[in-house]
């Protein structure tokens, strides 16, 4: 059953987007086979968006004085 699902098209992917406000990580959609495995293991689906990291605020520079 799973041997047919091991092609490149069935891999879970994630990418991190970076912007001036911070970063966020997004995962790919789960395939039906991946959903079936998670269901059989009684595990919840992982969140689609996660790892929100805002850019830390820098202390004011000398020009702010």
Protein backbone atom coordinates (compact mmCIF):
# COMPACT_ATOMS: atom_id res chain seq x y z
CA UNK A 1 0.00 0.00 0.00
CA UNK A 2 2.58 2.62 1.01
CA UNK A 3 5.17 1.63 -1.61
CA UNK A 4 3.17 3.41 -4.30
CA UNK A 5 3.03 6.59 -2.20
CA UNK A 6 6.79 7.05 -1.80
CA UNK A 7 7.29 9.14 -4.95
CA UNK A 8 8.46 12.76 -4.87
CA UNK A 9 4.84 13.93 -5.21
CA UNK A 10 3.81 12.51 -1.84
CA UNK A 11 6.49 14.08 0.33
CA UNK A 12 5.60 16.55 3.01
CA UNK A 13 7.17 19.93 2.31
CA UNK A 14 7.55 23.07 4.35
CA UNK A 15 8.86 26.51 3.51
CA UNK A 16 9.66 29.52 5.65
CA UNK A 17 8.58 32.93 4.39
CA UNK A 18 10.55 35.96 5.56
CA UNK A 19 9.30 39.55 5.45
CA UNK A 20 10.30 42.79 7.13
CA UNK A 21 7.77 42.02 9.90
CA UNK A 22 9.16 38.52 10.64
CA UNK A 23 8.88 34.94 9.44
CA UNK A 24 6.25 32.21 9.22
CA UNK A 25 6.54 28.56 8.19
CA UNK A 26 3.91 26.86 6.03
CA UNK A 27 3.56 23.16 5.26
CA UNK A 28 2.20 21.56 2.10
CA UNK A 29 -1.28 20.07 1.92
CA UNK A 30 -1.45 16.54 3.25
CA UNK A 31 -2.15 13.80 0.75
CA UNK A 32 -5.06 11.41 1.33
CA UNK A 33 -2.52 8.69 2.22
CA UNK A 34 -0.88 10.95 4.82
CA UNK A 35 -4.31 11.78 6.31
CA UNK A 36 -5.09 8.07 6.48
CA UNK A 37 -1.84 7.35 8.33
CA UNK A 38 -2.45 10.16 10.83
CA UNK A 39 -6.01 8.89 11.36
CA UNK A 40 -4.83 5.32 11.93
CA UNK A 41 -2.36 6.61 14.52
CA UNK A 42 -5.06 8.84 16.06
CA UNK A 43 -2.86 11.89 15.55
CA UNK A 44 -4.21 15.34 14.65
CA UNK A 45 -3.22 17.00 11.40
CA UNK A 46 -0.35 19.45 11.93
CA UNK A 47 -1.20 23.14 11.56
CA UNK A 48 -0.83 24.56 8.04
CA UNK A 49 0.92 27.72 9.33
CA UNK A 50 3.26 27.66 12.31
CA UNK A 51 6.47 29.05 13.78
CA UNK A 52 5.48 32.70 13.69
CA UNK A 53 8.56 34.76 14.55
CA UNK A 54 8.21 38.54 14.60
CA UNK A 55 11.32 40.60 14.04
CA UNK A 56 12.56 41.77 17.45
CA UNK A 57 12.38 45.49 18.03
CA UNK A 58 15.75 47.17 18.04
CA UNK A 59 16.55 49.79 20.66
CA UNK A 60 16.40 53.33 19.34
CA UNK A 61 19.58 54.49 17.69
CA UNK A 62 21.50 57.69 18.49
CA UNK A 63 19.52 59.60 15.85
CA UNK A 64 16.32 59.12 17.93
CA UNK A 65 17.68 61.33 20.71
